[in-house]
N, C-alpha and C. Protein backbone atom coordinates (compact mmCIF):
# COMPACT_ATOMS: atom_id res chain seq x y z
N UNK A 1 4.98 10.44 9.49
CA UNK A 1 3.81 10.84 8.74
C UNK A 1 4.26 11.41 7.41
N UNK A 2 3.78 10.81 6.36
CA UNK A 2 4.10 11.26 5.01
C UNK A 2 2.80 11.43 4.23
N UNK A 3 2.77 12.39 3.36
CA UNK A 3 1.61 12.60 2.49
C UNK A 3 0.31 12.71 3.28
N UNK A 4 0.37 13.31 4.46
CA UNK A 4 -0.81 13.47 5.33
C UNK A 4 -1.45 12.14 5.69
N UNK A 5 -0.66 11.07 5.69
CA UNK A 5 -1.16 9.75 6.07
C UNK A 5 -0.37 9.26 7.26
N UNK A 6 -1.04 8.53 8.12
CA UNK A 6 -0.38 7.95 9.29
C UNK A 6 -0.22 6.46 9.02
N UNK A 7 0.96 5.96 9.27
CA UNK A 7 1.21 4.54 9.05
C UNK A 7 1.53 3.87 10.38
N UNK A 8 0.84 2.79 10.64
CA UNK A 8 1.09 1.99 11.84
C UNK A 8 1.53 0.62 11.36
N UNK A 9 2.74 0.24 11.68
CA UNK A 9 3.25 -1.07 11.30
C UNK A 9 3.37 -1.93 12.54
N UNK A 10 2.99 -3.18 12.41
CA UNK A 10 3.13 -4.10 13.53
C UNK A 10 3.28 -5.52 13.01
N UNK A 11 3.89 -6.35 13.81
CA UNK A 11 4.01 -7.77 13.52
C UNK A 11 3.02 -8.51 14.40
N UNK A 12 2.32 -9.45 13.82
CA UNK A 12 1.30 -10.18 14.55
C UNK A 12 1.52 -11.66 14.35
N UNK A 13 1.56 -12.39 15.44
CA UNK A 13 1.64 -13.85 15.36
C UNK A 13 0.23 -14.42 15.36
N UNK A 14 -0.10 -15.19 14.34
CA UNK A 14 -1.42 -15.80 14.26
C UNK A 14 -1.27 -17.31 14.23
N UNK A 15 -2.32 -17.98 14.56
CA UNK A 15 -2.37 -19.43 14.45
C UNK A 15 -3.55 -19.77 13.56
N UNK A 16 -3.62 -21.00 13.09
CA UNK A 16 -4.77 -21.35 12.25
C UNK A 16 -6.08 -21.05 12.97
N UNK A 17 -6.98 -20.42 12.26
CA UNK A 17 -8.25 -20.04 12.85
C UNK A 17 -8.47 -18.55 12.66
N UNK A 18 -9.17 -17.95 13.59
CA UNK A 18 -9.47 -16.53 13.51
C UNK A 18 -8.67 -15.78 14.56
N UNK A 19 -7.99 -14.75 14.12
CA UNK A 19 -7.22 -13.89 15.02
C UNK A 19 -7.77 -12.48 14.90
N UNK A 20 -7.40 -11.66 15.85
CA UNK A 20 -7.88 -10.28 15.84
C UNK A 20 -6.75 -9.35 16.26
N UNK A 21 -6.64 -8.25 15.55
CA UNK A 21 -5.67 -7.21 15.88
C UNK A 21 -6.47 -5.98 16.30
N UNK A 22 -6.16 -5.46 17.48
CA UNK A 22 -6.85 -4.28 17.98
C UNK A 22 -5.82 -3.19 18.19
N UNK A 23 -6.07 -2.04 17.61
CA UNK A 23 -5.16 -0.90 17.72
C UNK A 23 -5.89 0.24 18.41
N UNK A 24 -5.34 0.68 19.52
CA UNK A 24 -5.82 1.88 20.20
C UNK A 24 -4.75 2.94 20.05
N UNK A 25 -5.11 4.11 19.60
CA UNK A 25 -4.12 5.17 19.41
C UNK A 25 -4.77 6.52 19.68
N UNK A 26 -3.93 7.48 19.98
CA UNK A 26 -4.37 8.86 20.14
C UNK A 26 -3.61 9.69 19.11
N UNK A 27 -4.34 10.39 18.29
CA UNK A 27 -3.72 11.27 17.31
C UNK A 27 -3.69 12.69 17.88
N UNK A 28 -2.54 13.30 17.84
CA UNK A 28 -2.40 14.70 18.24
C UNK A 28 -2.48 15.52 16.97
N UNK A 29 -3.51 16.33 16.85
CA UNK A 29 -3.81 17.03 15.60
C UNK A 29 -3.71 18.54 15.77
N UNK A 30 -3.48 19.18 14.65
CA UNK A 30 -3.38 20.63 14.61
C UNK A 30 -3.80 21.06 13.21
N UNK A 31 -4.54 22.15 13.12
CA UNK A 31 -4.92 22.65 11.81
C UNK A 31 -3.68 23.09 11.05
N UNK A 32 -3.72 22.91 9.76
CA UNK A 32 -2.58 23.27 8.93
C UNK A 32 -2.51 24.78 8.76
N UNK A 33 -1.31 25.31 8.95
CA UNK A 33 -1.09 26.74 8.72
C UNK A 33 -0.47 26.91 7.34
N UNK A 34 -1.05 27.80 6.58
CA UNK A 34 -0.49 28.11 5.27
C UNK A 34 0.48 29.27 5.47
N UNK A 35 1.73 29.10 5.06
CA UNK A 35 2.72 30.17 5.26
C UNK A 35 2.28 31.48 4.61
N UNK A 36 2.70 32.56 5.22
CA UNK A 36 2.44 33.92 4.72
C UNK A 36 0.96 34.27 4.66
N UNK A 37 0.17 33.70 5.58
CA UNK A 37 -1.23 34.10 5.67
C UNK A 37 -1.44 34.79 7.00
N UNK A 38 -2.46 35.62 7.05
CA UNK A 38 -2.71 36.37 8.28
C UNK A 38 -3.50 35.52 9.27
N UNK A 39 -3.98 36.18 10.31
CA UNK A 39 -4.65 35.53 11.43
C UNK A 39 -5.81 34.66 10.98
N UNK A 40 -6.56 35.07 9.99
CA UNK A 40 -7.60 34.23 9.42
C UNK A 40 -8.95 34.36 10.09
N UNK A 41 -9.83 33.50 9.70
CA UNK A 41 -11.20 33.49 10.14
C UNK A 41 -11.37 32.47 11.27
N UNK A 42 -11.49 32.95 12.50
CA UNK A 42 -11.59 32.07 13.67
C UNK A 42 -12.84 31.19 13.60
N UNK A 43 -13.95 31.72 13.07
CA UNK A 43 -15.18 30.93 12.97
C UNK A 43 -14.97 29.71 12.07
N UNK A 44 -14.25 29.92 10.98
CA UNK A 44 -13.99 28.82 10.05
C UNK A 44 -13.10 27.77 10.72
N UNK A 45 -12.09 28.21 11.46
CA UNK A 45 -11.20 27.26 12.13
C UNK A 45 -11.93 26.50 13.23
N UNK A 46 -12.79 27.18 13.98
CA UNK A 46 -13.57 26.51 15.03
C UNK A 46 -14.48 25.46 14.41
N UNK A 47 -15.10 25.78 13.29
CA UNK A 47 -15.98 24.82 12.62
C UNK A 47 -15.21 23.60 12.14
N UNK A 48 -14.01 23.80 11.62
CA UNK A 48 -13.20 22.66 11.17
C UNK A 48 -12.81 21.76 12.32
N UNK A 49 -12.43 22.35 13.45
CA UNK A 49 -12.08 21.56 14.63
C UNK A 49 -13.28 20.77 15.11
N UNK A 50 -14.44 21.41 15.19
CA UNK A 50 -15.64 20.73 15.66
C UNK A 50 -16.10 19.65 14.69
N UNK A 51 -15.93 19.85 13.40
CA UNK A 51 -16.27 18.80 12.43
C UNK A 51 -15.42 17.56 12.66
N UNK A 52 -14.17 17.77 13.01
CA UNK A 52 -13.26 16.65 13.22
C UNK A 52 -13.54 15.94 14.54
N UNK A 53 -13.88 16.71 15.58
CA UNK A 53 -14.03 16.13 16.91
C UNK A 53 -15.44 15.67 17.25
N UNK A 54 -16.45 16.27 16.66
CA UNK A 54 -17.83 15.97 17.05
C UNK A 54 -18.27 14.62 16.50
N UNK A 55 -19.00 13.91 17.33
CA UNK A 55 -19.58 12.65 16.87
C UNK A 55 -20.98 12.93 16.34
N UNK A 56 -21.53 11.95 15.67
CA UNK A 56 -22.88 12.10 15.13
C UNK A 56 -23.91 12.17 16.25
N UNK A 57 -23.53 11.69 17.44
CA UNK A 57 -24.46 11.69 18.57
C UNK A 57 -24.52 13.03 19.28
N UNK A 58 -23.54 13.89 19.07
CA UNK A 58 -23.56 15.18 19.78
C UNK A 58 -24.63 16.08 19.17
N UNK A 59 -25.33 16.77 20.02
CA UNK A 59 -26.43 17.61 19.58
C UNK A 59 -25.98 19.02 19.24
N UNK A 60 -26.92 19.80 18.76
CA UNK A 60 -26.63 21.18 18.36
C UNK A 60 -26.22 22.02 19.56
N UNK A 61 -26.85 21.79 20.70
CA UNK A 61 -26.52 22.58 21.90
C UNK A 61 -25.07 22.33 22.33
N UNK A 62 -24.66 21.07 22.31
CA UNK A 62 -23.28 20.74 22.69
C UNK A 62 -22.29 21.36 21.70
N UNK A 63 -22.60 21.24 20.42
CA UNK A 63 -21.71 21.81 19.40
C UNK A 63 -21.63 23.33 19.52
N UNK A 64 -22.77 23.97 19.76
CA UNK A 64 -22.77 25.43 19.93
C UNK A 64 -21.98 25.86 21.15
N UNK A 65 -22.05 25.08 22.23
CA UNK A 65 -21.28 25.40 23.44
C UNK A 65 -19.79 25.33 23.17
N UNK A 66 -19.36 24.27 22.48
CA UNK A 66 -17.94 24.14 22.16
C UNK A 66 -17.49 25.23 21.19
N UNK A 67 -18.35 25.57 20.25
CA UNK A 67 -18.02 26.63 19.30
C UNK A 67 -17.80 27.95 20.03
N UNK A 68 -18.70 28.28 20.96
CA UNK A 68 -18.55 29.52 21.73
C UNK A 68 -17.27 29.49 22.56
N UNK A 69 -16.96 28.34 23.14
CA UNK A 69 -15.74 28.21 23.94
C UNK A 69 -14.50 28.43 23.08
N UNK A 70 -14.47 27.83 21.90
CA UNK A 70 -13.31 28.00 21.02
C UNK A 70 -13.17 29.44 20.54
N UNK A 71 -14.28 30.09 20.28
CA UNK A 71 -14.22 31.47 19.77
C UNK A 71 -13.82 32.47 20.84
N UNK A 72 -13.90 32.10 22.12
CA UNK A 72 -13.44 32.98 23.20
C UNK A 72 -11.92 33.03 23.29
N UNK A 73 -11.27 32.10 22.63
CA UNK A 73 -9.82 32.03 22.68
C UNK A 73 -9.21 33.28 22.06
N UNK A 74 -8.18 33.79 22.70
CA UNK A 74 -7.49 34.98 22.19
C UNK A 74 -6.44 34.62 21.15
N UNK A 75 -6.00 33.36 21.16
CA UNK A 75 -4.94 32.95 20.25
C UNK A 75 -5.50 32.45 18.93
N UNK A 76 -4.60 32.11 18.06
CA UNK A 76 -4.94 31.57 16.75
C UNK A 76 -5.34 30.10 16.94
N UNK A 77 -6.53 29.72 16.49
CA UNK A 77 -7.00 28.35 16.66
C UNK A 77 -6.16 27.35 15.87
N UNK A 78 -5.40 27.83 14.91
CA UNK A 78 -4.51 26.93 14.16
C UNK A 78 -3.34 26.47 15.02
N UNK A 79 -3.11 27.12 16.17
CA UNK A 79 -2.05 26.70 17.08
C UNK A 79 -2.55 25.70 18.12
N UNK A 80 -3.85 25.48 18.18
CA UNK A 80 -4.44 24.58 19.17
C UNK A 80 -4.14 23.13 18.80
N UNK A 81 -3.66 22.37 19.77
CA UNK A 81 -3.42 20.94 19.57
C UNK A 81 -4.57 20.19 20.23
N UNK A 82 -5.26 19.37 19.45
CA UNK A 82 -6.38 18.60 19.98
C UNK A 82 -6.15 17.13 19.68
N UNK A 83 -6.85 16.28 20.40
CA UNK A 83 -6.63 14.84 20.25
C UNK A 83 -7.86 14.16 19.67
N UNK A 84 -7.59 13.08 18.96
CA UNK A 84 -8.65 12.25 18.39
C UNK A 84 -8.31 10.81 18.72
N UNK A 85 -9.23 10.12 19.39
CA UNK A 85 -9.02 8.72 19.73
C UNK A 85 -9.31 7.85 18.51
N UNK A 86 -8.48 6.84 18.33
CA UNK A 86 -8.65 5.91 17.21
C UNK A 86 -8.73 4.50 17.78
N UNK A 87 -9.73 3.77 17.36
CA UNK A 87 -9.90 2.38 17.77
C UNK A 87 -10.17 1.58 16.50
N UNK A 88 -9.22 0.73 16.15
CA UNK A 88 -9.33 -0.06 14.92
C UNK A 88 -9.27 -1.53 15.30
N UNK A 89 -10.20 -2.30 14.79
CA UNK A 89 -10.24 -3.74 15.04
C UNK A 89 -10.23 -4.45 13.69
N UNK A 90 -9.25 -5.33 13.50
CA UNK A 90 -9.12 -6.08 12.25
C UNK A 90 -9.19 -7.56 12.59
N UNK A 91 -10.12 -8.25 11.99
CA UNK A 91 -10.26 -9.69 12.20
C UNK A 91 -9.58 -10.41 11.04
N UNK A 92 -8.76 -11.39 11.36
CA UNK A 92 -7.99 -12.11 10.36
C UNK A 92 -8.39 -13.58 10.41
N UNK A 93 -8.89 -14.09 9.30
CA UNK A 93 -9.27 -15.50 9.22
C UNK A 93 -8.14 -16.24 8.52
N UNK A 94 -7.47 -17.11 9.25
CA UNK A 94 -6.31 -17.82 8.71
C UNK A 94 -6.57 -19.32 8.69
N UNK A 95 -7.72 -19.70 8.17
CA UNK A 95 -8.06 -21.13 8.15
C UNK A 95 -7.18 -21.91 7.18
N UNK A 96 -6.59 -21.25 6.19
CA UNK A 96 -5.74 -21.95 5.24
C UNK A 96 -4.25 -21.84 5.60
N UNK A 97 -3.96 -21.48 6.84
CA UNK A 97 -2.57 -21.38 7.30
C UNK A 97 -1.95 -22.77 7.26
N UNK A 98 -0.72 -22.92 6.73
CA UNK A 98 -0.10 -24.25 6.69
C UNK A 98 0.12 -24.81 8.09
N UNK A 99 -0.13 -26.10 8.23
CA UNK A 99 0.00 -26.75 9.53
C UNK A 99 1.31 -27.52 9.59
N UNK A 100 1.92 -27.52 10.77
CA UNK A 100 3.16 -28.27 10.98
C UNK A 100 2.84 -29.75 11.17
N UNK A 101 3.88 -30.58 11.05
CA UNK A 101 3.67 -32.03 11.17
C UNK A 101 3.35 -32.44 12.61
N UNK A 102 3.85 -31.69 13.58
CA UNK A 102 3.53 -32.00 14.98
C UNK A 102 3.09 -30.71 15.68
N UNK A 103 2.62 -30.85 16.91
CA UNK A 103 2.08 -29.70 17.62
C UNK A 103 3.14 -28.73 18.13
N UNK A 104 4.38 -29.18 18.24
CA UNK A 104 5.43 -28.31 18.79
C UNK A 104 6.02 -27.36 17.76
N UNK A 105 5.97 -27.72 16.51
CA UNK A 105 6.55 -26.90 15.46
C UNK A 105 5.51 -25.91 14.92
N UNK A 106 6.02 -24.88 14.32
CA UNK A 106 5.14 -23.93 13.66
C UNK A 106 5.80 -23.47 12.38
N UNK A 107 5.00 -23.03 11.46
CA UNK A 107 5.48 -22.61 10.15
C UNK A 107 5.33 -21.10 10.05
N UNK A 108 6.44 -20.45 9.76
CA UNK A 108 6.42 -18.99 9.59
C UNK A 108 6.05 -18.65 8.15
N UNK A 109 5.18 -17.71 8.00
CA UNK A 109 4.84 -17.20 6.67
C UNK A 109 5.05 -15.70 6.68
N UNK A 110 5.32 -15.16 5.54
CA UNK A 110 5.52 -13.72 5.42
C UNK A 110 4.36 -13.16 4.61
N UNK A 111 3.35 -12.71 5.31
CA UNK A 111 2.15 -12.17 4.67
C UNK A 111 1.98 -10.72 5.09
N UNK A 112 1.40 -9.95 4.23
CA UNK A 112 1.17 -8.54 4.51
C UNK A 112 -0.28 -8.20 4.16
N UNK A 113 -0.90 -7.40 5.02
CA UNK A 113 -2.21 -6.86 4.68
C UNK A 113 -2.12 -5.34 4.79
N UNK A 114 -2.91 -4.67 4.01
CA UNK A 114 -2.96 -3.21 4.05
C UNK A 114 -4.41 -2.84 4.34
N UNK A 115 -4.61 -2.05 5.37
CA UNK A 115 -5.95 -1.63 5.77
C UNK A 115 -5.99 -0.11 5.71
N UNK A 116 -6.87 0.43 4.90
CA UNK A 116 -7.05 1.88 4.82
C UNK A 116 -8.22 2.27 5.71
N UNK A 117 -8.00 3.26 6.56
CA UNK A 117 -9.02 3.72 7.49
C UNK A 117 -9.24 5.20 7.26
N UNK A 118 -10.49 5.61 7.19
CA UNK A 118 -10.84 7.01 7.03
C UNK A 118 -11.46 7.50 8.32
N UNK A 119 -10.91 8.57 8.88
CA UNK A 119 -11.45 9.14 10.10
C UNK A 119 -12.58 10.09 9.75
N UNK A 120 -13.74 9.84 10.32
CA UNK A 120 -14.88 10.73 10.09
C UNK A 120 -14.95 11.75 11.19
């Protein structure tokens, strides 16, 4: 992890037509601690964790319950490690992929795509 970005590299074999790459990952996250700062504001840290973990479908009651649970913690919430599931699906259309002269051969190409994903 560099520059607060996560990089996932993979090699994918495709054939002429449409291919799909599916990435399932779990991110282990922790709030950033600024050196030489004190214990801090637990309410602010709980809100940041809930903003990261809550989906748009979760209601106010669920969010308030989790907030109360986090605030009961005796430790610093910046030390809490929480997980975020990531599911990325990339569809690749390779209709212009070069075709071999017979069905047994294949042509290797060196292509790269870059996909930027923002976690909400």
